[in-house]
């Protein structure tokens, strides 16, 4: 069974691109355009990895990460921060919030699947 990856991004173009690249590598992909939808999705079916845009309407990606990492039932899920507005200190903020990695946009579609695979359990990394 393929690992389930949740992609959270409010930009429809980015959401489609990331989902396409991840699905092309055989992963089961769920998408959410905001943190509230992502929280519902996570409660319904735990993903093995989450890619989250830091700049989201309402609850931002850092707060979403904090909430997930504070919950014993979701703290084990690797969360990869994704942002187009990388500023000095953003990587440190993302890691301090609990993100396991930090990816800048534009997404490198050639390396994204390898980055995901590195964060998944080796048994799950081969979809």
N, C-alpha and C. Protein backbone atom coordinates (compact mmCIF):
# COMPACT_ATOMS: atom_id res chain seq x y z
N UNK A 1 0.84 -1.18 0.00
CA UNK A 1 0.00 0.00 0.00
C UNK A 1 0.89 1.25 0.00
N UNK A 2 0.55 2.20 -0.84
CA UNK A 2 1.35 3.42 -0.98
C UNK A 2 1.19 4.31 0.24
N UNK A 3 2.24 5.00 0.60
CA UNK A 3 2.19 5.95 1.70
C UNK A 3 1.25 7.09 1.35
N UNK A 4 0.52 7.56 2.36
CA UNK A 4 -0.43 8.66 2.17
C UNK A 4 0.27 9.97 2.51
N UNK A 5 0.21 10.93 1.57
CA UNK A 5 0.83 12.24 1.73
C UNK A 5 -0.27 13.29 1.66
N UNK A 6 -0.31 14.17 2.66
CA UNK A 6 -1.26 15.28 2.68
C UNK A 6 -0.51 16.54 2.24
N UNK A 7 -1.05 17.22 1.22
CA UNK A 7 -0.47 18.46 0.70
C UNK A 7 -1.41 19.59 1.08
N UNK A 8 -0.88 20.59 1.80
CA UNK A 8 -1.69 21.72 2.26
C UNK A 8 -1.11 23.00 1.65
N UNK A 9 -1.87 23.62 0.75
CA UNK A 9 -1.42 24.85 0.08
C UNK A 9 -2.65 25.59 -0.42
N UNK A 10 -2.70 26.89 -0.20
CA UNK A 10 -3.86 27.67 -0.62
C UNK A 10 -3.77 28.14 -2.07
N UNK A 11 -2.63 27.95 -2.70
CA UNK A 11 -2.48 28.33 -4.10
C UNK A 11 -2.84 27.12 -4.97
N UNK A 12 -3.94 27.23 -5.76
CA UNK A 12 -4.39 26.08 -6.54
C UNK A 12 -3.33 25.53 -7.51
N UNK A 13 -2.53 26.41 -8.10
CA UNK A 13 -1.49 25.96 -9.04
C UNK A 13 -0.43 25.15 -8.31
N UNK A 14 0.04 25.66 -7.18
CA UNK A 14 1.04 24.92 -6.39
C UNK A 14 0.48 23.59 -5.90
N UNK A 15 -0.76 23.62 -5.45
CA UNK A 15 -1.41 22.41 -4.95
C UNK A 15 -1.47 21.34 -6.04
N UNK A 16 -1.88 21.73 -7.24
CA UNK A 16 -1.97 20.78 -8.36
C UNK A 16 -0.59 20.25 -8.74
N UNK A 17 0.40 21.14 -8.82
CA UNK A 17 1.75 20.72 -9.21
C UNK A 17 2.33 19.73 -8.21
N UNK A 18 2.28 20.08 -6.93
CA UNK A 18 2.86 19.21 -5.91
C UNK A 18 2.12 17.87 -5.89
N UNK A 19 0.79 17.92 -5.93
CA UNK A 19 0.00 16.68 -5.92
C UNK A 19 0.34 15.81 -7.13
N UNK A 20 0.48 16.43 -8.29
CA UNK A 20 0.81 15.68 -9.51
C UNK A 20 2.16 14.97 -9.38
N UNK A 21 3.16 15.70 -8.92
CA UNK A 21 4.52 15.14 -8.79
C UNK A 21 4.53 14.00 -7.77
N UNK A 22 3.85 14.19 -6.66
CA UNK A 22 3.83 13.17 -5.61
C UNK A 22 3.05 11.94 -6.08
N UNK A 23 1.90 12.15 -6.72
CA UNK A 23 1.11 11.02 -7.25
C UNK A 23 1.89 10.25 -8.32
N UNK A 24 2.65 10.98 -9.15
CA UNK A 24 3.41 10.33 -10.22
C UNK A 24 4.44 9.34 -9.66
N UNK A 25 4.84 9.53 -8.42
CA UNK A 25 5.78 8.60 -7.78
C UNK A 25 5.06 7.48 -7.05
N UNK A 26 3.73 7.44 -7.18
CA UNK A 26 2.97 6.33 -6.63
C UNK A 26 2.41 6.53 -5.24
N UNK A 27 2.56 7.72 -4.68
CA UNK A 27 2.01 7.98 -3.35
C UNK A 27 0.51 8.26 -3.44
N UNK A 28 -0.20 7.96 -2.37
CA UNK A 28 -1.62 8.28 -2.22
C UNK A 28 -1.68 9.73 -1.71
N UNK A 29 -2.27 10.63 -2.48
CA UNK A 29 -2.23 12.05 -2.15
C UNK A 29 -3.61 12.58 -1.78
N UNK A 30 -3.65 13.30 -0.68
CA UNK A 30 -4.84 14.04 -0.25
C UNK A 30 -4.43 15.51 -0.29
N UNK A 31 -5.35 16.40 -0.64
CA UNK A 31 -5.03 17.82 -0.69
C UNK A 31 -5.97 18.61 0.21
N UNK A 32 -5.47 19.74 0.69
CA UNK A 32 -6.26 20.67 1.49
C UNK A 32 -5.80 22.08 1.17
N UNK A 33 -6.74 23.01 1.03
CA UNK A 33 -6.41 24.40 0.69
C UNK A 33 -6.22 25.27 1.92
N UNK A 34 -6.47 24.74 3.11
CA UNK A 34 -6.26 25.52 4.33
C UNK A 34 -6.04 24.57 5.51
N UNK A 35 -5.61 25.15 6.63
CA UNK A 35 -5.26 24.34 7.80
C UNK A 35 -6.48 23.66 8.41
N UNK A 36 -7.61 24.34 8.40
CA UNK A 36 -8.82 23.76 8.99
C UNK A 36 -9.20 22.48 8.25
N UNK A 37 -9.17 22.52 6.92
CA UNK A 37 -9.47 21.33 6.12
C UNK A 37 -8.43 20.24 6.36
N UNK A 38 -7.19 20.65 6.50
CA UNK A 38 -6.11 19.69 6.77
C UNK A 38 -6.34 18.97 8.11
N UNK A 39 -6.75 19.71 9.12
CA UNK A 39 -6.99 19.10 10.43
C UNK A 39 -8.11 18.05 10.35
N UNK A 40 -9.16 18.35 9.61
CA UNK A 40 -10.25 17.39 9.42
C UNK A 40 -9.72 16.16 8.68
N UNK A 41 -8.96 16.37 7.63
CA UNK A 41 -8.40 15.27 6.85
C UNK A 41 -7.52 14.37 7.72
N UNK A 42 -6.69 14.98 8.55
CA UNK A 42 -5.78 14.21 9.41
C UNK A 42 -6.59 13.38 10.41
N UNK A 43 -7.68 13.94 10.95
CA UNK A 43 -8.52 13.20 11.89
C UNK A 43 -9.21 12.01 11.22
N UNK A 44 -9.60 12.19 9.96
CA UNK A 44 -10.32 11.14 9.24
C UNK A 44 -9.40 9.98 8.85
N UNK A 45 -8.18 10.31 8.44
CA UNK A 45 -7.24 9.27 8.00
C UNK A 45 -5.82 9.82 8.11
N UNK A 46 -5.06 9.28 9.03
CA UNK A 46 -3.70 9.78 9.27
C UNK A 46 -2.81 9.61 8.04
N UNK A 47 -2.16 10.70 7.64
CA UNK A 47 -1.17 10.59 6.56
C UNK A 47 0.17 10.11 7.14
N UNK A 48 1.03 9.63 6.25
CA UNK A 48 2.38 9.26 6.70
C UNK A 48 3.33 10.44 6.61
N UNK A 49 2.92 11.50 5.88
CA UNK A 49 3.76 12.69 5.72
C UNK A 49 2.86 13.85 5.30
N UNK A 50 3.23 15.07 5.74
CA UNK A 50 2.48 16.27 5.39
C UNK A 50 3.42 17.30 4.79
N UNK A 51 3.03 17.87 3.64
CA UNK A 51 3.71 19.01 3.04
C UNK A 51 2.81 20.21 3.31
N UNK A 52 3.31 21.22 4.01
CA UNK A 52 2.45 22.35 4.38
C UNK A 52 3.07 23.68 4.00
N UNK A 53 2.29 24.47 3.28
CA UNK A 53 2.68 25.84 2.96
C UNK A 53 2.64 26.64 4.26
N UNK A 54 3.62 27.47 4.49
CA UNK A 54 3.64 28.25 5.72
C UNK A 54 2.66 29.41 5.68
N UNK A 55 2.42 29.96 4.51
CA UNK A 55 1.52 31.11 4.35
C UNK A 55 0.13 30.61 3.96
N UNK A 56 -0.71 30.37 4.96
CA UNK A 56 -2.07 29.92 4.72
C UNK A 56 -3.04 30.94 5.30
N UNK A 57 -4.24 31.04 4.73
CA UNK A 57 -5.24 31.93 5.32
C UNK A 57 -5.74 31.35 6.64
N UNK A 58 -6.10 32.20 7.58
CA UNK A 58 -6.57 31.70 8.88
C UNK A 58 -5.40 31.16 9.68
N UNK A 59 -5.48 29.89 10.01
CA UNK A 59 -4.39 29.23 10.75
C UNK A 59 -3.23 29.04 9.78
N UNK A 60 -2.06 29.60 10.10
CA UNK A 60 -0.92 29.45 9.19
C UNK A 60 -0.25 28.08 9.37
N UNK A 61 0.70 27.80 8.49
CA UNK A 61 1.37 26.51 8.50
C UNK A 61 2.16 26.23 9.77
N UNK A 62 2.71 27.27 10.38
CA UNK A 62 3.46 27.08 11.62
C UNK A 62 2.53 26.65 12.75
N UNK A 63 1.37 27.31 12.85
CA UNK A 63 0.41 26.96 13.90
C UNK A 63 -0.16 25.56 13.66
N UNK A 64 -0.43 25.23 12.40
CA UNK A 64 -0.91 23.89 12.08
C UNK A 64 0.13 22.86 12.54
N UNK A 65 1.38 23.12 12.25
CA UNK A 65 2.46 22.21 12.66
C UNK A 65 2.50 22.07 14.17
N UNK A 66 2.45 23.20 14.88
CA UNK A 66 2.48 23.15 16.35
C UNK A 66 1.34 22.27 16.89
N UNK A 67 0.14 22.47 16.35
CA UNK A 67 -1.01 21.70 16.82
C UNK A 67 -0.81 20.21 16.58
N UNK A 68 -0.33 19.86 15.41
CA UNK A 68 -0.13 18.45 15.09
C UNK A 68 0.99 17.84 15.93
N UNK A 69 2.04 18.59 16.19
CA UNK A 69 3.17 18.06 16.96
C UNK A 69 2.85 17.99 18.46
N UNK A 70 1.86 18.76 18.92
CA UNK A 70 1.46 18.70 20.33
C UNK A 70 0.51 17.54 20.61
N UNK A 71 -0.10 17.00 19.58
CA UNK A 71 -1.06 15.92 19.73
C UNK A 71 -0.33 14.58 19.67
N UNK A 72 -0.44 13.78 20.73
CA UNK A 72 0.27 12.49 20.75
C UNK A 72 -0.09 11.57 19.57
N UNK A 73 -1.29 11.71 19.01
CA UNK A 73 -1.69 10.83 17.92
C UNK A 73 -1.14 11.26 16.56
N UNK A 74 -0.59 12.49 16.48
CA UNK A 74 -0.08 12.98 15.19
C UNK A 74 1.36 13.47 15.26
N UNK A 75 1.95 13.52 16.43
CA UNK A 75 3.30 14.11 16.56
C UNK A 75 4.36 13.34 15.80
N UNK A 76 4.12 12.08 15.49
CA UNK A 76 5.10 11.25 14.76
C UNK A 76 5.14 11.53 13.26
N UNK A 77 4.13 12.23 12.73
CA UNK A 77 4.03 12.45 11.28
C UNK A 77 5.08 13.48 10.84
N UNK A 78 5.95 13.14 9.89
CA UNK A 78 6.90 14.14 9.38
C UNK A 78 6.14 15.26 8.66
N UNK A 79 6.52 16.49 8.97
CA UNK A 79 5.91 17.66 8.34
C UNK A 79 7.01 18.44 7.64
N UNK A 80 6.83 18.66 6.33
CA UNK A 80 7.80 19.40 5.54
C UNK A 80 7.20 20.76 5.23
N UNK A 81 7.85 21.81 5.70
CA UNK A 81 7.39 23.17 5.44
C UNK A 81 7.74 23.56 4.01
N UNK A 82 6.80 24.25 3.35
CA UNK A 82 7.00 24.71 1.98
C UNK A 82 6.66 26.20 1.96
N UNK A 83 7.56 27.02 1.41
CA UNK A 83 7.26 28.45 1.36
C UNK A 83 7.87 29.13 0.15
N UNK A 84 7.17 30.13 -0.34
CA UNK A 84 7.68 30.93 -1.46
C UNK A 84 8.32 32.21 -0.94
N UNK A 85 8.04 32.55 0.30
CA UNK A 85 8.51 33.82 0.86
C UNK A 85 9.59 33.58 1.90
N UNK A 86 10.64 32.89 1.49
CA UNK A 86 11.72 32.56 2.41
C UNK A 86 12.47 33.82 2.82
N UNK A 87 12.46 34.06 4.11
CA UNK A 87 13.19 35.20 4.66
C UNK A 87 14.16 34.65 5.70
N UNK A 88 15.14 35.46 6.02
CA UNK A 88 16.12 35.04 7.01
C UNK A 88 15.39 34.68 8.31
N UNK A 89 15.70 33.53 8.83
CA UNK A 89 15.09 33.08 10.07
C UNK A 89 13.86 32.20 9.87
N UNK A 90 13.29 32.16 8.65
CA UNK A 90 12.10 31.35 8.42
C UNK A 90 12.36 29.86 8.63
N UNK A 91 13.51 29.40 8.16
CA UNK A 91 13.85 27.99 8.35
C UNK A 91 13.90 27.65 9.83
N UNK A 92 14.53 28.51 10.62
CA UNK A 92 14.62 28.28 12.06
C UNK A 92 13.24 28.29 12.71
N UNK A 93 12.37 29.21 12.28
CA UNK A 93 11.01 29.27 12.82
C UNK A 93 10.24 27.99 12.50
N UNK A 94 10.39 27.52 11.26
CA UNK A 94 9.69 26.30 10.85
C UNK A 94 10.17 25.10 11.66
N UNK A 95 11.47 24.98 11.82
CA UNK A 95 12.01 23.86 12.58
C UNK A 95 11.63 23.97 14.06
N UNK A 96 11.62 25.18 14.61
CA UNK A 96 11.22 25.39 16.00
C UNK A 96 9.74 25.04 16.21
N UNK A 97 8.91 25.25 15.20
CA UNK A 97 7.49 24.92 15.30
C UNK A 97 7.26 23.41 15.24
N UNK A 98 8.28 22.67 14.78
CA UNK A 98 8.16 21.22 14.72
C UNK A 98 8.29 20.63 13.33
N UNK A 99 8.49 21.48 12.33
CA UNK A 99 8.67 20.95 10.96
C UNK A 99 9.94 20.11 10.91
N UNK A 100 9.90 19.07 10.12
CA UNK A 100 11.03 18.16 9.99
C UNK A 100 11.98 18.54 8.86
N UNK A 101 11.51 19.40 7.97
CA UNK A 101 12.34 19.87 6.86
C UNK A 101 11.73 21.14 6.31
N UNK A 102 12.47 21.81 5.43
CA UNK A 102 12.08 23.12 4.91
C UNK A 102 12.40 23.16 3.42
N UNK A 103 11.36 23.41 2.61
CA UNK A 103 11.51 23.42 1.16
C UNK A 103 11.06 24.78 0.64
N UNK A 104 11.86 25.38 -0.24
CA UNK A 104 11.47 26.67 -0.81
C UNK A 104 10.85 26.48 -2.19
N UNK A 105 9.93 27.39 -2.51
CA UNK A 105 9.32 27.43 -3.84
C UNK A 105 10.15 28.36 -4.70
N UNK A 106 10.20 28.17 -5.99
CA UNK A 106 9.48 27.12 -6.70
C UNK A 106 10.01 25.74 -6.34
N UNK A 107 9.09 24.80 -6.29
CA UNK A 107 9.42 23.42 -5.95
C UNK A 107 10.29 22.82 -7.05
N UNK A 108 11.35 22.13 -6.64
CA UNK A 108 12.17 21.39 -7.59
C UNK A 108 11.49 20.02 -7.76
N UNK A 109 10.78 19.85 -8.86
CA UNK A 109 10.01 18.63 -9.07
C UNK A 109 10.88 17.39 -9.23
N UNK A 110 12.16 17.58 -9.52
CA UNK A 110 13.06 16.43 -9.65
C UNK A 110 13.50 15.91 -8.30
N UNK A 111 13.65 16.78 -7.31
CA UNK A 111 14.16 16.34 -6.01
C UNK A 111 13.06 16.15 -4.95
N UNK A 112 11.86 16.68 -5.18
CA UNK A 112 10.79 16.56 -4.19
C UNK A 112 10.50 15.11 -3.81
N UNK A 113 10.34 14.19 -4.76
CA UNK A 113 10.07 12.80 -4.36
C UNK A 113 11.17 12.19 -3.48
N UNK A 114 12.43 12.52 -3.76
CA UNK A 114 13.52 12.01 -2.93
C UNK A 114 13.46 12.60 -1.52
N UNK A 115 13.10 13.86 -1.42
CA UNK A 115 12.97 14.50 -0.11
C UNK A 115 11.87 13.82 0.69
N UNK A 116 10.76 13.55 0.04
CA UNK A 116 9.65 12.86 0.70
C UNK A 116 10.10 11.47 1.15
N UNK A 117 10.73 10.73 0.26
CA UNK A 117 11.17 9.36 0.57
C UNK A 117 12.13 9.34 1.76
N UNK A 118 12.99 10.35 1.86
CA UNK A 118 13.95 10.41 2.99
C UNK A 118 13.23 10.52 4.32
N UNK A 119 12.05 11.12 4.35
CA UNK A 119 11.35 11.34 5.59
C UNK A 119 10.34 10.24 5.94
N UNK A 120 10.08 9.37 5.00
CA UNK A 120 9.18 8.26 5.25
C UNK A 120 9.97 7.07 5.75
N UNK A 121 9.30 6.21 6.45
CA UNK A 121 9.88 4.95 6.88
C UNK A 121 10.39 4.21 5.65
N UNK A 122 11.58 3.64 5.68
CA UNK A 122 12.13 2.97 4.51
C UNK A 122 11.15 1.97 3.86
N UNK A 123 10.36 1.30 4.64
CA UNK A 123 9.39 0.37 4.09
C UNK A 123 8.27 1.07 3.35
N UNK A 124 8.03 2.33 3.69
CA UNK A 124 6.96 3.10 3.08
C UNK A 124 7.48 3.94 1.92
N UNK A 125 8.78 4.11 1.82
CA UNK A 125 9.35 5.02 0.83
C UNK A 125 9.28 4.49 -0.60
N UNK A 126 9.03 3.23 -0.75
CA UNK A 126 8.92 2.63 -2.08
C UNK A 126 7.46 2.40 -2.40
N UNK A 127 6.77 3.38 -2.99
CA UNK A 127 5.34 3.22 -3.26
C UNK A 127 5.08 2.17 -4.31
